C-alpha atoms as a PDB file:
ATOM      1  CA  MET A   1      -4.244  10.903 -29.925  1.00  0.00           C
ATOM      2  CA  ASP A   2      -1.567  12.832 -27.973  1.00  0.00           C
ATOM      3  CA  VAL A   3       0.588  16.257 -29.051  1.00  0.00           C
ATOM      4  CA  ALA A   4       3.802  16.912 -28.306  1.00  0.00           C
ATOM      5  CA  LEU A   5       4.768  20.947 -28.491  1.00  0.00           C
ATOM      6  CA  LEU A   6       7.997  22.374 -28.490  1.00  0.00           C
ATOM      7  CA  ILE A   7       8.511  25.677 -26.005  1.00  0.00           C
ATOM      8  CA  PRO A   8      11.349  27.487 -26.947  1.00  0.00           C
ATOM      9  CA  THR A   9      11.692  30.105 -24.099  1.00  0.00           C
ATOM     10  CA  THR A  10      13.546  33.433 -22.068  1.00  0.00           C
ATOM     11  CA  SER A  11      13.683  35.552 -19.464  1.00  0.00           C
ATOM     12  CA  ARG A  12      15.677  38.172 -21.265  1.00  0.00           C
ATOM     13  CA  GLY A  13      14.201  41.475 -21.429  1.00  0.00           C
ATOM     14  CA  ARG A  14      12.163  39.945 -18.131  1.00  0.00           C
ATOM     15  CA  ASN A  15      12.901  40.238 -14.570  1.00  0.00           C
ATOM     16  CA  PHE A  16      11.328  37.302 -12.993  1.00  0.00           C
ATOM     17  CA  LYS A  17      11.468  36.910  -9.760  1.00  0.00           C
ATOM     18  CA  THR A  18      10.324  32.819  -9.469  1.00  0.00           C
ATOM     19  CA  ILE A  19       9.123  30.883 -11.577  1.00  0.00           C
ATOM     20  CA  ASP A  20       5.470  31.491 -11.039  1.00  0.00           C
ATOM     21  CA  GLU A  21       6.128  35.479 -12.283  1.00  0.00           C
ATOM     22  CA  SER A  22       7.204  33.300 -15.173  1.00  0.00           C
ATOM     23  CA  LEU A  23       5.507  33.191 -18.767  1.00  0.00           C
ATOM     24  CA  LEU A  24       5.389  30.048 -18.773  1.00  0.00           C
ATOM     25  CA  ALA A  25       3.660  30.320 -15.804  1.00  0.00           C
ATOM     26  CA  CYS A  26       1.095  32.618 -16.173  1.00  0.00           C
ATOM     27  CA  ARG A  27       0.034  31.417 -19.824  1.00  0.00           C
ATOM     28  CA  LEU A  28       0.752  28.472 -20.741  1.00  0.00           C
ATOM     29  CA  VAL A  29      -0.112  26.551 -17.472  1.00  0.00           C
ATOM     30  CA  ALA A  30      -3.076  28.410 -17.060  1.00  0.00           C
ATOM     31  CA  SER A  31      -4.191  27.627 -20.871  1.00  0.00           C
ATOM     32  CA  LEU A  32      -3.395  24.047 -20.945  1.00  0.00           C
ATOM     33  CA  ARG A  33      -7.208  22.444 -20.108  1.00  0.00           C
ATOM     34  CA  PRO A  34      -7.295  19.966 -17.319  1.00  0.00           C
ATOM     35  CA  ASN A  35      -8.093  17.379 -19.020  1.00  0.00           C
ATOM     36  CA  ALA A  36      -6.001  18.106 -22.758  1.00  0.00           C
ATOM     37  CA  ARG A  37      -2.894  17.995 -19.904  1.00  0.00           C
ATOM     38  CA  GLN A  38      -3.405  14.048 -20.412  1.00  0.00           C
ATOM     39  CA  TYR A  39      -2.649  13.787 -24.325  1.00  0.00           C
ATOM     40  CA  CYS A  40       0.450  16.600 -24.364  1.00  0.00           C
ATOM     41  CA  THR A  41       4.092  16.075 -23.807  1.00  0.00           C
ATOM     42  CA  LEU A  42       5.880  19.327 -23.944  1.00  0.00           C
ATOM     43  CA  TYR A  43       9.452  19.821 -25.098  1.00  0.00           C
ATOM     44  CA  ILE A  44      10.562  23.205 -22.989  1.00  0.00           C
ATOM     45  CA  GLY A  45      13.868  24.320 -24.166  1.00  0.00           C
ATOM     46  CA  TYR A  46      15.964  27.879 -22.771  1.00  0.00           C
ATOM     47  CA  ASP A  47      19.305  29.055 -23.308  1.00  0.00           C
ATOM     48  CA  GLU A  48      22.143  27.607 -21.556  1.00  0.00           C
ATOM     49  CA  ASP A  49      23.367  30.737 -20.403  1.00  0.00           C
ATOM     50  CA  ASP A  50      19.519  31.748 -18.592  1.00  0.00           C
ATOM     51  CA  GLU A  51      21.146  32.541 -15.707  1.00  0.00           C
ATOM     52  CA  PHE A  52      16.669  32.246 -14.071  1.00  0.00           C
ATOM     53  CA  TYR A  53      15.638  28.833 -16.056  1.00  0.00           C
ATOM     54  CA  VAL A  54      18.591  27.423 -14.870  1.00  0.00           C
ATOM     55  CA  SER A  55      18.508  28.614 -10.877  1.00  0.00           C
ATOM     56  CA  GLN A  56      14.599  27.865 -11.564  1.00  0.00           C
ATOM     57  CA  HIS A  57      14.866  24.662 -12.906  1.00  0.00           C
ATOM     58  CA  ALA A  58      13.928  22.276 -10.469  1.00  0.00           C
ATOM     59  CA  SER A  59      10.962  24.999  -9.733  1.00  0.00           C
ATOM     60  CA  LEU A  60       9.826  24.357 -12.898  1.00  0.00           C
ATOM     61  CA  VAL A  61       9.731  20.862 -13.523  1.00  0.00           C
ATOM     62  CA  GLN A  62       7.664  21.099  -9.981  1.00  0.00           C
ATOM     63  CA  LEU A  63       4.901  23.101 -11.012  1.00  0.00           C
ATOM     64  CA  LEU A  64       4.606  21.245 -14.531  1.00  0.00           C
ATOM     65  CA  ASP A  65       3.794  18.643 -12.171  1.00  0.00           C
ATOM     66  CA  GLN A  66       2.051  19.597 -10.146  1.00  0.00           C
ATOM     67  CA  PHE A  67      -0.836  20.563 -12.552  1.00  0.00           C
ATOM     68  CA  GLY A  68      -0.311  17.182 -13.724  1.00  0.00           C
ATOM     69  CA  ILE A  69       1.780  17.935 -17.442  1.00  0.00           C
ATOM     70  CA  ARG A  70       4.202  15.428 -18.558  1.00  0.00           C
ATOM     71  CA  ALA A  71       7.180  17.872 -20.056  1.00  0.00           C
ATOM     72  CA  PHE A  72      11.068  17.399 -20.740  1.00  0.00           C
ATOM     73  CA  VAL A  73      13.022  20.863 -19.381  1.00  0.00           C
ATOM     74  CA  GLY A  74      16.672  21.517 -20.331  1.00  0.00           C
ATOM     75  CA  ALA A  75      19.015  23.971 -21.327  1.00  0.00           C
ATOM     76  CA  ILE A  76      20.375  23.942 -24.603  1.00  0.00           C
ATOM     77  CA  SER A  77      23.313  25.384 -25.770  1.00  0.00           C
ATOM     78  CA  ASN A  78      23.693  27.804 -29.345  1.00  0.00           C
ATOM     79  CA  PRO A  79      25.841  26.307 -31.386  1.00  0.00           C
ATOM     80  CA  ILE A  80      25.987  29.242 -33.794  1.00  0.00           C
ATOM     81  CA  ASP A  81      27.558  31.739 -30.795  1.00  0.00           C
END
């Protein structure tokens, strides 16, 4: 059975310098067991004006790929603003 996870994320209130310092790298990637990664697809979204994730997009995709995690990563707009 495959599992899909929708993960909204932000860097607001944080002072990340690289993707490796982000909570996605420190917590999420570390928490996914290697044998479970083949059954999991992540959908990760961040605000289109989140400067950290916009600038680190390629690094995040590369990190997830390095660990064999299927993911779709992208910026989303907030229609309420």
